[in-house]
């Protein structure tokens, strides 16, 4: 049951530099392989939003930021989570072309809280 969220700068919406579908497919295969998730359980939500980057003037120096959060049911080792995190960043690098001004990519893998519940229809 991975709950995957990809938050990214709206500036990437204006270009073809982010292959979201290709990234999601590769990410799901990776989560199945590394974290032993079921393929049909993989879900990814892409959320576009405004970006503030340090003290840069975004008009003159636009930056793109992408952060991926992978929430897994508890039980994976720290080594598994670290390997998955590193692989997610590598996949981002393969599926996002460099953009003017800079690109910041990050990822985290965390355990879902014990209160996590879901409904599917």
PDB file of N, CA and C in Angstrom:
ATOM      1  N   UNK A   1       0.813  -1.172   0.000  1.00  0.00           N
ATOM      2  CA  UNK A   1       0.000   0.000   0.000  1.00  0.00           C
ATOM      3  C   UNK A   1       0.866   1.248   0.000  1.00  0.00           C
ATOM      4  N   UNK A   2       1.563   1.519  -1.017  1.00  0.00           N
ATOM      5  CA  UNK A   2       2.275   2.795  -1.019  1.00  0.00           C
ATOM      6  C   UNK A   2       1.343   3.953  -1.370  1.00  0.00           C
ATOM      7  N   UNK A   3       1.407   4.990  -0.559  1.00  0.00           N
ATOM      8  CA  UNK A   3       0.742   6.255  -0.859  1.00  0.00           C
ATOM      9  C   UNK A   3       1.840   7.187  -1.328  1.00  0.00           C
ATOM     10  N   UNK A   4       1.833   7.540  -2.595  1.00  0.00           N
ATOM     11  CA  UNK A   4       2.907   8.325  -3.187  1.00  0.00           C
ATOM     12  C   UNK A   4       2.363   9.684  -3.590  1.00  0.00           C
ATOM     13  N   UNK A   5       3.055  10.734  -3.157  1.00  0.00           N
ATOM     14  CA  UNK A   5       2.689  12.091  -3.517  1.00  0.00           C
ATOM     15  C   UNK A   5       3.896  12.770  -4.142  1.00  0.00           C
ATOM     16  N   UNK A   6       3.663  13.416  -5.281  1.00  0.00           N
ATOM     17  CA  UNK A   6       4.718  14.152  -5.970  1.00  0.00           C
ATOM     18  C   UNK A   6       4.302  15.615  -5.993  1.00  0.00           C
ATOM     19  N   UNK A   7       4.988  16.427  -5.228  1.00  0.00           N
ATOM     20  CA  UNK A   7       4.761  17.868  -5.223  1.00  0.00           C
ATOM     21  C   UNK A   7       5.804  18.503  -6.131  1.00  0.00           C
ATOM     22  N   UNK A   8       5.358  19.403  -7.017  1.00  0.00           N
ATOM     23  CA  UNK A   8       6.306  19.995  -7.961  1.00  0.00           C
ATOM     24  C   UNK A   8       5.908  21.423  -8.301  1.00  0.00           C
ATOM     25  N   UNK A   9       6.880  22.187  -8.756  1.00  0.00           N
ATOM     26  CA  UNK A   9       6.676  23.586  -9.116  1.00  0.00           C
ATOM     27  C   UNK A   9       5.771  23.722 -10.325  1.00  0.00           C
ATOM     28  N   UNK A  10       4.919  24.741 -10.295  1.00  0.00           N
ATOM     29  CA  UNK A  10       4.056  25.014 -11.438  1.00  0.00           C
ATOM     30  C   UNK A  10       4.864  25.320 -12.689  1.00  0.00           C
ATOM     31  N   UNK A  11       6.097  25.776 -12.522  1.00  0.00           N
ATOM     32  CA  UNK A  11       6.936  26.083 -13.690  1.00  0.00           C
ATOM     33  C   UNK A  11       7.137  24.852 -14.566  1.00  0.00           C
ATOM     34  N   UNK A  12       7.064  23.663 -13.994  1.00  0.00           N
ATOM     35  CA  UNK A  12       7.217  22.442 -14.788  1.00  0.00           C
ATOM     36  C   UNK A  12       5.965  22.139 -15.605  1.00  0.00           C
ATOM     37  N   UNK A  13       4.819  22.735 -15.230  1.00  0.00           N
ATOM     38  CA  UNK A  13       3.593  22.561 -16.005  1.00  0.00           C
ATOM     39  C   UNK A  13       3.690  23.255 -17.361  1.00  0.00           C
ATOM     40  N   UNK A  14       4.535  24.255 -17.433  1.00  0.00           N
ATOM     41  CA  UNK A  14       4.624  25.075 -18.636  1.00  0.00           C
ATOM     42  C   UNK A  14       5.624  24.537 -19.648  1.00  0.00           C
ATOM     43  N   UNK A  15       6.233  23.428 -19.334  1.00  0.00           N
ATOM     44  CA  UNK A  15       7.205  22.817 -20.236  1.00  0.00           C
ATOM     45  C   UNK A  15       6.886  21.330 -20.372  1.00  0.00           C
ATOM     46  N   UNK A  16       7.569  20.694 -21.266  1.00  0.00           N
ATOM     47  CA  UNK A  16       7.452  19.240 -21.403  1.00  0.00           C
ATOM     48  C   UNK A  16       8.626  18.546 -20.719  1.00  0.00           C
ATOM     49  N   UNK A  17       9.217  19.207 -19.745  1.00  0.00           N
ATOM     50  CA  UNK A  17      10.445  18.677 -19.149  1.00  0.00           C
ATOM     51  C   UNK A  17      10.207  17.553 -18.141  1.00  0.00           C
ATOM     52  N   UNK A  18       8.973  17.377 -17.635  1.00  0.00           N
ATOM     53  CA  UNK A  18       8.694  16.358 -16.621  1.00  0.00           C
ATOM     54  C   UNK A  18       7.777  15.302 -17.216  1.00  0.00           C
ATOM     55  N   UNK A  19       8.331  14.120 -17.448  1.00  0.00           N
ATOM     56  CA  UNK A  19       7.565  12.976 -17.963  1.00  0.00           C
ATOM     57  C   UNK A  19       6.890  12.291 -16.775  1.00  0.00           C
ATOM     58  N   UNK A  20       5.728  12.802 -16.386  1.00  0.00           N
ATOM     59  CA  UNK A  20       5.042  12.296 -15.201  1.00  0.00           C
ATOM     60  C   UNK A  20       4.588  10.854 -15.369  1.00  0.00           C
ATOM     61  N   UNK A  21       4.031  10.521 -16.512  1.00  0.00           N
ATOM     62  CA  UNK A  21       3.554   9.156 -16.718  1.00  0.00           C
ATOM     63  C   UNK A  21       4.712   8.162 -16.693  1.00  0.00           C
ATOM     64  N   UNK A  22       5.785   8.488 -17.397  1.00  0.00           N
ATOM     65  CA  UNK A  22       6.948   7.605 -17.401  1.00  0.00           C
ATOM     66  C   UNK A  22       7.548   7.458 -16.013  1.00  0.00           C
ATOM     67  N   UNK A  23       7.599   8.585 -15.269  1.00  0.00           N
ATOM     68  CA  UNK A  23       8.118   8.543 -13.911  1.00  0.00           C
ATOM     69  C   UNK A  23       7.245   7.661 -13.027  1.00  0.00           C
ATOM     70  N   UNK A  24       5.916   7.840 -13.097  1.00  0.00           N
ATOM     71  CA  UNK A  24       5.011   7.057 -12.245  1.00  0.00           C
ATOM     72  C   UNK A  24       5.138   5.568 -12.545  1.00  0.00           C
ATOM     73  N   UNK A  25       5.198   5.208 -13.810  1.00  0.00           N
ATOM     74  CA  UNK A  25       5.329   3.786 -14.163  1.00  0.00           C
ATOM     75  C   UNK A  25       6.637   3.193 -13.632  1.00  0.00           C
ATOM     76  N   UNK A  26       7.731   3.916 -13.837  1.00  0.00           N
ATOM     77  CA  UNK A  26       9.035   3.442 -13.344  1.00  0.00           C
ATOM     78  C   UNK A  26       9.053   3.397 -11.820  1.00  0.00           C
ATOM     79  N   UNK A  27       8.441   4.387 -11.188  1.00  0.00           N
ATOM     80  CA  UNK A  27       8.387   4.432  -9.727  1.00  0.00           C
ATOM     81  C   UNK A  27       7.601   3.255  -9.170  1.00  0.00           C
ATOM     82  N   UNK A  28       6.458   2.957  -9.770  1.00  0.00           N
ATOM     83  CA  UNK A  28       5.650   1.830  -9.288  1.00  0.00           C
ATOM     84  C   UNK A  28       6.423   0.524  -9.418  1.00  0.00           C
ATOM     85  N   UNK A  29       7.105   0.314 -10.534  1.00  0.00           N
ATOM     86  CA  UNK A  29       7.925  -0.898 -10.697  1.00  0.00           C
ATOM     87  C   UNK A  29       9.003  -0.973  -9.627  1.00  0.00           C
ATOM     88  N   UNK A  30       9.598   0.172  -9.326  1.00  0.00           N
ATOM     89  CA  UNK A  30      10.660   0.232  -8.320  1.00  0.00           C
ATOM     90  C   UNK A  30      10.131  -0.075  -6.926  1.00  0.00           C
ATOM     91  N   UNK A  31       8.965   0.475  -6.580  1.00  0.00           N
ATOM     92  CA  UNK A  31       8.384   0.237  -5.255  1.00  0.00           C
ATOM     93  C   UNK A  31       8.024  -1.239  -5.098  1.00  0.00           C
ATOM     94  N   UNK A  32       7.532  -1.847  -6.167  1.00  0.00           N
ATOM     95  CA  UNK A  32       7.219  -3.281  -6.122  1.00  0.00           C
ATOM     96  C   UNK A  32       8.503  -4.085  -5.907  1.00  0.00           C
ATOM     97  N   UNK A  33       9.539  -3.736  -6.650  1.00  0.00           N
ATOM     98  CA  UNK A  33      10.803  -4.481  -6.578  1.00  0.00           C
ATOM     99  C   UNK A  33      11.519  -4.298  -5.244  1.00  0.00           C
ATOM    100  N   UNK A  34      11.648  -3.072  -4.781  1.00  0.00           N
ATOM    101  CA  UNK A  34      12.449  -2.792  -3.584  1.00  0.00           C
ATOM    102  C   UNK A  34      11.660  -2.983  -2.293  1.00  0.00           C
ATOM    103  N   UNK A  35      10.402  -2.538  -2.264  1.00  0.00           N
ATOM    104  CA  UNK A  35       9.631  -2.548  -1.014  1.00  0.00           C
ATOM    105  C   UNK A  35       8.588  -3.649  -0.959  1.00  0.00           C
ATOM    106  N   UNK A  36       8.565  -4.526  -1.966  1.00  0.00           N
ATOM    107  CA  UNK A  36       7.639  -5.663  -1.994  1.00  0.00           C
ATOM    108  C   UNK A  36       6.177  -5.235  -1.909  1.00  0.00           C
ATOM    109  N   UNK A  37       5.857  -4.127  -2.584  1.00  0.00           N
ATOM    110  CA  UNK A  37       4.457  -3.681  -2.647  1.00  0.00           C
ATOM    111  C   UNK A  37       3.743  -4.441  -3.759  1.00  0.00           C
ATOM    112  N   UNK A  38       2.438  -4.491  -3.663  1.00  0.00           N
ATOM    113  CA  UNK A  38       1.642  -5.099  -4.740  1.00  0.00           C
ATOM    114  C   UNK A  38       1.469  -4.067  -5.852  1.00  0.00           C
ATOM    115  N   UNK A  39       1.645  -4.449  -7.110  1.00  0.00           N
ATOM    116  CA  UNK A  39       1.535  -3.476  -8.205  1.00  0.00           C
ATOM    117  C   UNK A  39       0.204  -2.730  -8.211  1.00  0.00           C
ATOM    118  N   UNK A  40      -0.889  -3.439  -7.978  1.00  0.00           N
ATOM    119  CA  UNK A  40      -2.197  -2.797  -8.017  1.00  0.00           C
ATOM    120  C   UNK A  40      -2.428  -1.853  -6.842  1.00  0.00           C
ATOM    121  N   UNK A  41      -1.579  -1.895  -5.837  1.00  0.00           N
ATOM    122  CA  UNK A  41      -1.721  -1.016  -4.678  1.00  0.00           C
ATOM    123  C   UNK A  41      -1.014   0.321  -4.875  1.00  0.00           C
ATOM    124  N   UNK A  42      -0.159   0.415  -5.874  1.00  0.00           N
ATOM    125  CA  UNK A  42       0.603   1.646  -6.105  1.00  0.00           C
ATOM    126  C   UNK A  42      -0.292   2.741  -6.662  1.00  0.00           C
ATOM    127  N   UNK A  43      -0.321   3.860  -5.987  1.00  0.00           N
ATOM    128  CA  UNK A  43      -1.086   5.033  -6.394  1.00  0.00           C
ATOM    129  C   UNK A  43      -0.180   6.248  -6.257  1.00  0.00           C
ATOM    130  N   UNK A  44      -0.210   7.120  -7.260  1.00  0.00           N
ATOM    131  CA  UNK A  44       0.599   8.328  -7.205  1.00  0.00           C
ATOM    132  C   UNK A  44      -0.266   9.540  -7.508  1.00  0.00           C
ATOM    133  N   UNK A  45      -0.145  10.555  -6.663  1.00  0.00           N
ATOM    134  CA  UNK A  45      -0.861  11.808  -6.815  1.00  0.00           C
ATOM    135  C   UNK A  45       0.162  12.895  -7.126  1.00  0.00           C
ATOM    136  N   UNK A  46      -0.018  13.591  -8.252  1.00  0.00           N
ATOM    137  CA  UNK A  46       0.840  14.708  -8.619  1.00  0.00           C
ATOM    138  C   UNK A  46       0.142  15.999  -8.220  1.00  0.00           C
ATOM    139  N   UNK A  47       0.872  16.874  -7.480  1.00  0.00           N
ATOM    140  CA  UNK A  47       0.312  18.155  -7.044  1.00  0.00           C
ATOM    141  C   UNK A  47       1.244  19.289  -7.460  1.00  0.00           C
ATOM    142  N   UNK A  48       0.721  20.172  -8.265  1.00  0.00           N
ATOM    143  CA  UNK A  48       1.482  21.317  -8.735  1.00  0.00           C
ATOM    144  C   UNK A  48       1.233  22.498  -7.811  1.00  0.00           C
ATOM    145  N   UNK A  49       2.290  23.256  -7.526  1.00  0.00           N
ATOM    146  CA  UNK A  49       2.124  24.415  -6.650  1.00  0.00           C
ATOM    147  C   UNK A  49       3.192  25.461  -6.882  1.00  0.00           C
ATOM    148  N   UNK A  50       2.957  26.635  -6.352  1.00  0.00           N
ATOM    149  CA  UNK A  50       3.923  27.725  -6.464  1.00  0.00           C
ATOM    150  C   UNK A  50       5.172  27.394  -5.676  1.00  0.00           C
ATOM    151  N   UNK A  51       6.275  27.980  -6.093  1.00  0.00           N
ATOM    152  CA  UNK A  51       7.552  27.683  -5.457  1.00  0.00           C
ATOM    153  C   UNK A  51       8.228  28.957  -4.976  1.00  0.00           C
ATOM    154  N   UNK A  52       8.709  28.928  -3.759  1.00  0.00           N
ATOM    155  CA  UNK A  52       9.597  29.968  -3.250  1.00  0.00           C
ATOM    156  C   UNK A  52      10.933  29.279  -3.020  1.00  0.00           C
ATOM    157  N   UNK A  53      11.995  29.885  -3.489  1.00  0.00           N
ATOM    158  CA  UNK A  53      13.295  29.248  -3.373  1.00  0.00           C
ATOM    159  C   UNK A  53      14.270  30.210  -2.730  1.00  0.00           C
ATOM    160  N   UNK A  54      14.574  29.982  -1.467  1.00  0.00           N
ATOM    161  CA  UNK A  54      15.538  30.786  -0.712  1.00  0.00           C
ATOM    162  C   UNK A  54      15.280  32.265  -0.930  1.00  0.00           C
ATOM    163  N   UNK A  55      16.319  33.001  -1.297  1.00  0.00           N
ATOM    164  CA  UNK A  55      16.193  34.438  -1.498  1.00  0.00           C
ATOM    165  C   UNK A  55      16.278  34.817  -2.968  1.00  0.00           C
ATOM    166  N   UNK A  56      16.163  33.838  -3.839  1.00  0.00           N
ATOM    167  CA  UNK A  56      16.301  34.095  -5.276  1.00  0.00           C
ATOM    168  C   UNK A  56      15.129  34.909  -5.801  1.00  0.00           C
ATOM    169  N   UNK A  57      15.399  35.714  -6.803  1.00  0.00           N
ATOM    170  CA  UNK A  57      14.368  36.426  -7.542  1.00  0.00           C
ATOM    171  C   UNK A  57      13.878  35.463  -8.615  1.00  0.00           C
ATOM    172  N   UNK A  58      12.698  34.907  -8.423  1.00  0.00           N
ATOM    173  CA  UNK A  58      12.212  33.872  -9.330  1.00  0.00           C
ATOM    174  C   UNK A  58      11.913  34.397 -10.726  1.00  0.00           C
ATOM    175  N   UNK A  59      11.752  35.706 -10.857  1.00  0.00           N
ATOM    176  CA  UNK A  59      11.579  36.277 -12.196  1.00  0.00           C
ATOM    177  C   UNK A  59      12.879  36.165 -12.993  1.00  0.00           C
ATOM    178  N   UNK A  60      13.993  36.414 -12.335  1.00  0.00           N
ATOM    179  CA  UNK A  60      15.293  36.368 -13.022  1.00  0.00           C
ATOM    180  C   UNK A  60      15.946  34.996 -12.952  1.00  0.00           C
ATOM    181  N   UNK A  61      15.697  34.272 -11.885  1.00  0.00           N
ATOM    182  CA  UNK A  61      16.315  32.961 -11.684  1.00  0.00           C
ATOM    183  C   UNK A  61      15.254  31.933 -11.318  1.00  0.00           C
ATOM    184  N   UNK A  62      14.460  31.486 -12.292  1.00  0.00           N
ATOM    185  CA  UNK A  62      13.407  30.513 -11.963  1.00  0.00           C
ATOM    186  C   UNK A  62      14.003  29.183 -11.516  1.00  0.00           C
ATOM    187  N   UNK A  63      13.396  28.605 -10.519  1.00  0.00           N
ATOM    188  CA  UNK A  63      13.817  27.303 -10.012  1.00  0.00           C
ATOM    189  C   UNK A  63      12.644  26.345 -10.092  1.00  0.00           C
ATOM    190  N   UNK A  64      12.944  25.102 -10.301  1.00  0.00           N
ATOM    191  CA  UNK A  64      11.920  24.066 -10.241  1.00  0.00           C
ATOM    192  C   UNK A  64      12.250  23.151  -9.064  1.00  0.00           C
ATOM    193  N   UNK A  65      11.233  22.810  -8.309  1.00  0.00           N
ATOM    194  CA  UNK A  65      11.385  21.959  -7.140  1.00  0.00           C
ATOM    195  C   UNK A  65      10.448  20.770  -7.296  1.00  0.00           C
ATOM    196  N   UNK A  66      10.973  19.567  -7.015  1.00  0.00           N
ATOM    197  CA  UNK A  66      10.151  18.359  -7.016  1.00  0.00           C
ATOM    198  C   UNK A  66      10.483  17.585  -5.742  1.00  0.00           C
ATOM    199  N   UNK A  67       9.443  17.227  -4.998  1.00  0.00           N
ATOM    200  CA  UNK A  67       9.635  16.418  -3.789  1.00  0.00           C
ATOM    201  C   UNK A  67       8.646  15.254  -3.826  1.00  0.00           C
ATOM    202  N   UNK A  68       9.165  14.049  -3.623  1.00  0.00           N
ATOM    203  CA  UNK A  68       8.349  12.839  -3.640  1.00  0.00           C
ATOM    204  C   UNK A  68       8.297  12.265  -2.226  1.00  0.00           C
ATOM    205  N   UNK A  69       7.078  11.978  -1.768  1.00  0.00           N
ATOM    206  CA  UNK A  69       6.884  11.313  -0.482  1.00  0.00           C
ATOM    207  C   UNK A  69       6.251   9.951  -0.748  1.00  0.00           C
ATOM    208  N   UNK A  70       6.876   8.915  -0.223  1.00  0.00           N
ATOM    209  CA  UNK A  70       6.355   7.560  -0.357  1.00  0.00           C
ATOM    210  C   UNK A  70       5.998   7.077   1.044  1.00  0.00           C
ATOM    211  N   UNK A  71       4.707   6.855   1.274  1.00  0.00           N
ATOM    212  CA  UNK A  71       4.241   6.341   2.560  1.00  0.00           C
ATOM    213  C   UNK A  71       3.960   4.848   2.445  1.00  0.00           C
ATOM    214  N   UNK A  72       4.609   4.078   3.287  1.00  0.00           N
ATOM    215  CA  UNK A  72       4.465   2.622   3.280  1.00  0.00           C
ATOM    216  C   UNK A  72       3.951   2.133   4.625  1.00  0.00           C
ATOM    217  N   UNK A  73       3.236   1.027   4.612  1.00  0.00           N
ATOM    218  CA  UNK A  73       2.887   0.398   5.882  1.00  0.00           C
ATOM    219  C   UNK A  73       4.172   0.018   6.594  1.00  0.00           C
ATOM    220  N   UNK A  74       4.175   0.098   7.902  1.00  0.00           N
ATOM    221  CA  UNK A  74       5.370  -0.169   8.701  1.00  0.00           C
ATOM    222  C   UNK A  74       5.880  -1.584   8.459  1.00  0.00           C
ATOM    223  N   UNK A  75       7.181  -1.755   8.630  1.00  0.00           N
ATOM    224  CA  UNK A  75       7.765  -3.083   8.536  1.00  0.00           C
ATOM    225  C   UNK A  75       8.988  -3.166   7.638  1.00  0.00           C
ATOM    226  N   UNK A  76       9.229  -2.134   6.828  1.00  0.00           N
ATOM    227  CA  UNK A  76      10.422  -2.162   5.980  1.00  0.00           C
ATOM    228  C   UNK A  76      11.631  -1.726   6.793  1.00  0.00           C
ATOM    229  N   UNK A  77      12.778  -2.260   6.462  1.00  0.00           N
ATOM    230  CA  UNK A  77      14.000  -1.889   7.173  1.00  0.00           C
ATOM    231  C   UNK A  77      14.444  -0.491   6.744  1.00  0.00           C
ATOM    232  N   UNK A  78      15.295   0.104   7.556  1.00  0.00           N
ATOM    233  CA  UNK A  78      15.858   1.414   7.207  1.00  0.00           C
ATOM    234  C   UNK A  78      16.667   1.316   5.912  1.00  0.00           C
ATOM    235  N   UNK A  79      17.334   0.186   5.712  1.00  0.00           N
ATOM    236  CA  UNK A  79      18.109  -0.015   4.482  1.00  0.00           C
ATOM    237  C   UNK A  79      17.203  -0.042   3.259  1.00  0.00           C
ATOM    238  N   UNK A  80      16.067  -0.699   3.369  1.00  0.00           N
ATOM    239  CA  UNK A  80      15.107  -0.753   2.267  1.00  0.00           C
ATOM    240  C   UNK A  80      14.590   0.640   1.955  1.00  0.00           C
ATOM    241  N   UNK A  81      14.232   1.394   2.994  1.00  0.00           N
ATOM    242  CA  UNK A  81      13.713   2.737   2.786  1.00  0.00           C
ATOM    243  C   UNK A  81      14.781   3.655   2.173  1.00  0.00           C
ATOM    244  N   UNK A  82      16.019   3.516   2.625  1.00  0.00           N
ATOM    245  CA  UNK A  82      17.106   4.338   2.077  1.00  0.00           C
ATOM    246  C   UNK A  82      17.357   3.994   0.602  1.00  0.00           C
ATOM    247  N   UNK A  83      17.354   2.717   0.273  1.00  0.00           N
ATOM    248  CA  UNK A  83      17.556   2.305  -1.121  1.00  0.00           C
ATOM    249  C   UNK A  83      16.431   2.834  -1.997  1.00  0.00           C
ATOM    250  N   UNK A  84      15.201   2.768  -1.505  1.00  0.00           N
ATOM    251  CA  UNK A  84      14.064   3.264  -2.264  1.00  0.00           C
ATOM    252  C   UNK A  84      14.169   4.777  -2.463  1.00  0.00           C
ATOM    253  N   UNK A  85      14.533   5.497  -1.429  1.00  0.00           N
ATOM    254  CA  UNK A  85      14.678   6.953  -1.534  1.00  0.00           C
ATOM    255  C   UNK A  85      15.732   7.323  -2.568  1.00  0.00           C
ATOM    256  N   UNK A  86      16.875   6.685  -2.523  1.00  0.00           N
ATOM    257  CA  UNK A  86      17.949   6.965  -3.486  1.00  0.00           C
ATOM    258  C   UNK A  86      17.490   6.662  -4.912  1.00  0.00           C
ATOM    259  N   UNK A  87      16.770   5.580  -5.082  1.00  0.00           N
ATOM    260  CA  UNK A  87      16.297   5.198  -6.408  1.00  0.00           C
ATOM    261  C   UNK A  87      15.249   6.175  -6.924  1.00  0.00           C
ATOM    262  N   UNK A  88      14.393   6.685  -6.044  1.00  0.00           N
ATOM    263  CA  UNK A  88      13.391   7.667  -6.447  1.00  0.00           C
ATOM    264  C   UNK A  88      14.077   8.917  -7.003  1.00  0.00           C
ATOM    265  N   UNK A  89      15.108   9.396  -6.330  1.00  0.00           N
ATOM    266  CA  UNK A  89      15.823  10.583  -6.815  1.00  0.00           C
ATOM    267  C   UNK A  89      16.478  10.292  -8.167  1.00  0.00           C
ATOM    268  N   UNK A  90      17.049   9.107  -8.326  1.00  0.00           N
ATOM    269  CA  UNK A  90      17.631   8.726  -9.625  1.00  0.00           C
ATOM    270  C   UNK A  90      16.561   8.723 -10.711  1.00  0.00           C
ATOM    271  N   UNK A  91      15.381   8.195 -10.411  1.00  0.00           N
ATOM    272  CA  UNK A  91      14.294   8.171 -11.389  1.00  0.00           C
ATOM    273  C   UNK A  91      13.839   9.576 -11.756  1.00  0.00           C
ATOM    274  N   UNK A  92      13.773  10.468 -10.769  1.00  0.00           N
ATOM    275  CA  UNK A  92      13.434  11.859 -11.072  1.00  0.00           C
ATOM    276  C   UNK A  92      14.432  12.445 -12.065  1.00  0.00           C
ATOM    277  N   UNK A  93      15.715  12.194 -11.830  1.00  0.00           N
ATOM    278  CA  UNK A  93      16.753  12.728 -12.722  1.00  0.00           C
ATOM    279  C   UNK A  93      16.586  12.208 -14.146  1.00  0.00           C
ATOM    280  N   UNK A  94      16.104  10.982 -14.288  1.00  0.00           N
ATOM    281  CA  UNK A  94      15.911  10.403 -15.623  1.00  0.00           C
ATOM    282  C   UNK A  94      14.656  10.925 -16.317  1.00  0.00           C
ATOM    283  N   UNK A  95      13.676  11.388 -15.546  1.00  0.00           N
ATOM    284  CA  UNK A  95      12.395  11.772 -16.120  1.00  0.00           C
ATOM    285  C   UNK A  95      12.124  13.277 -16.111  1.00  0.00           C
ATOM    286  N   UNK A  96      13.110  14.062 -15.670  1.00  0.00           N
ATOM    287  CA  UNK A  96      12.985  15.522 -15.722  1.00  0.00           C
ATOM    288  C   UNK A  96      14.214  16.075 -16.418  1.00  0.00           C
ATOM    289  N   UNK A  97      13.976  16.812 -17.480  1.00  0.00           N
ATOM    290  CA  UNK A  97      15.072  17.459 -18.183  1.00  0.00           C
ATOM    291  C   UNK A  97      15.486  18.705 -17.399  1.00  0.00           C
ATOM    292  N   UNK A  98      16.759  19.073 -17.476  1.00  0.00           N
ATOM    293  CA  UNK A  98      17.202  20.291 -16.782  1.00  0.00           C
ATOM    294  C   UNK A  98      16.388  21.503 -17.226  1.00  0.00           C
ATOM    295  N   UNK A  99      16.166  22.412 -16.305  1.00  0.00           N
ATOM    296  CA  UNK A  99      15.401  23.627 -16.590  1.00  0.00           C
ATOM    297  C   UNK A  99      16.273  24.841 -16.302  1.00  0.00           C
ATOM    298  N   UNK A 100      15.955  25.947 -16.950  1.00  0.00           N
ATOM    299  CA  UNK A 100      16.685  27.186 -16.698  1.00  0.00           C
ATOM    300  C   UNK A 100      16.522  27.592 -15.241  1.00  0.00           C
ATOM    301  N   UNK A 101      17.596  28.049 -14.647  1.00  0.00           N
ATOM    302  CA  UNK A 101      17.533  28.582 -13.296  1.00  0.00           C
ATOM    303  C   UNK A 101      17.860  27.596 -12.201  1.00  0.00           C
ATOM    304  N   UNK A 102      17.601  26.324 -12.386  1.00  0.00           N
ATOM    305  CA  UNK A 102      17.943  25.349 -11.368  1.00  0.00           C
ATOM    306  C   UNK A 102      16.841  24.345 -11.105  1.00  0.00           C
ATOM    307  N   UNK A 103      17.244  23.217 -10.590  1.00  0.00           N
ATOM    308  CA  UNK A 103      16.330  22.119 -10.324  1.00  0.00           C
ATOM    309  C   UNK A 103      16.712  21.488  -8.995  1.00  0.00           C
ATOM    310  N   UNK A 104      15.739  21.373  -8.107  1.00  0.00           N
ATOM    311  CA  UNK A 104      15.955  20.768  -6.796  1.00  0.00           C
ATOM    312  C   UNK A 104      15.059  19.538  -6.703  1.00  0.00           C
ATOM    313  N   UNK A 105      15.663  18.366  -6.534  1.00  0.00           N
ATOM    314  CA  UNK A 105      14.923  17.109  -6.450  1.00  0.00           C
ATOM    315  C   UNK A 105      15.152  16.491  -5.084  1.00  0.00           C
ATOM    316  N   UNK A 106      14.095  15.978  -4.469  1.00  0.00           N
ATOM    317  CA  UNK A 106      14.246  15.318  -3.178  1.00  0.00           C
ATOM    318  C   UNK A 106      13.162  14.263  -3.021  1.00  0.00           C
ATOM    319  N   UNK A 107      13.392  13.358  -2.069  1.00  0.00           N
ATOM    320  CA  UNK A 107      12.437  12.286  -1.804  1.00  0.00           C
ATOM    321  C   UNK A 107      12.581  11.834  -0.361  1.00  0.00           C
ATOM    322  N   UNK A 108      11.504  11.271   0.142  1.00  0.00           N
ATOM    323  CA  UNK A 108      11.539  10.645   1.460  1.00  0.00           C
ATOM    324  C   UNK A 108      10.607   9.445   1.447  1.00  0.00           C
ATOM    325  N   UNK A 109      10.980   8.436   2.200  1.00  0.00           N
ATOM    326  CA  UNK A 109      10.131   7.265   2.392  1.00  0.00           C
ATOM    327  C   UNK A 109       9.845   7.198   3.879  1.00  0.00           C
ATOM    328  N   UNK A 110       8.578   7.100   4.208  1.00  0.00           N
ATOM    329  CA  UNK A 110       8.197   7.094   5.619  1.00  0.00           C
ATOM    330  C   UNK A 110       7.162   6.011   5.876  1.00  0.00           C
ATOM    331  N   UNK A 111       7.037   5.643   7.134  1.00  0.00           N
ATOM    332  CA  UNK A 111       5.994   4.701   7.537  1.00  0.00           C
ATOM    333  C   UNK A 111       4.678   5.452   7.684  1.00  0.00           C
ATOM    334  N   UNK A 112       3.608   4.853   7.192  1.00  0.00           N
ATOM    335  CA  UNK A 112       2.281   5.407   7.428  1.00  0.00           C
ATOM    336  C   UNK A 112       1.948   5.244   8.904  1.00  0.00           C
ATOM    337  N   UNK A 113       1.232   6.190   9.450  1.00  0.00           N
ATOM    338  CA  UNK A 113       0.844   6.143  10.846  1.00  0.00           C
ATOM    339  C   UNK A 113      -0.084   4.956  11.093  1.00  0.00           C
ATOM    340  N   UNK A 114      -0.066   4.443  12.315  1.00  0.00           N
ATOM    341  CA  UNK A 114      -0.917   3.305  12.665  1.00  0.00           C
ATOM    342  C   UNK A 114      -2.402   3.608  12.489  1.00  0.00           C
ATOM    343  N   UNK A 115      -2.763   4.885  12.461  1.00  0.00           N
ATOM    344  CA  UNK A 115      -4.169   5.262  12.301  1.00  0.00           C
ATOM    345  C   UNK A 115      -4.608   5.225  10.820  1.00  0.00           C
ATOM    346  N   UNK A 116      -3.711   4.953   9.907  1.00  0.00           N
ATOM    347  CA  UNK A 116      -4.023   4.955   8.476  1.00  0.00           C
ATOM    348  C   UNK A 116      -5.151   3.969   8.152  1.00  0.00           C
ATOM    349  N   UNK A 117      -6.120   4.460   7.406  1.00  0.00           N
ATOM    350  CA  UNK A 117      -7.221   3.639   6.913  1.00  0.00           C
ATOM    351  C   UNK A 117      -7.470   4.015   5.464  1.00  0.00           C
ATOM    352  N   UNK A 118      -8.085   3.125   4.695  1.00  0.00           N
ATOM    353  CA  UNK A 118      -8.414   3.462   3.316  1.00  0.00           C
ATOM    354  C   UNK A 118      -9.765   2.860   2.952  1.00  0.00           C
ATOM    355  N   UNK A 119     -10.339   3.395   1.895  1.00  0.00           N
ATOM    356  CA  UNK A 119     -11.582   2.907   1.336  1.00  0.00           C
ATOM    357  C   UNK A 119     -11.417   2.869  -0.173  1.00  0.00           C
ATOM    358  N   UNK A 120     -11.844   1.801  -0.791  1.00  0.00           N
ATOM    359  CA  UNK A 120     -11.842   1.694  -2.241  1.00  0.00           C
ATOM    360  C   UNK A 120     -13.217   1.235  -2.691  1.00  0.00           C
ATOM    361  N   UNK A 121     -13.683   1.791  -3.778  1.00  0.00           N
ATOM    362  CA  UNK A 121     -14.988   1.389  -4.302  1.00  0.00           C
ATOM    363  C   UNK A 121     -14.825   0.864  -5.719  1.00  0.00           C
TER     364      UNK A 121
END
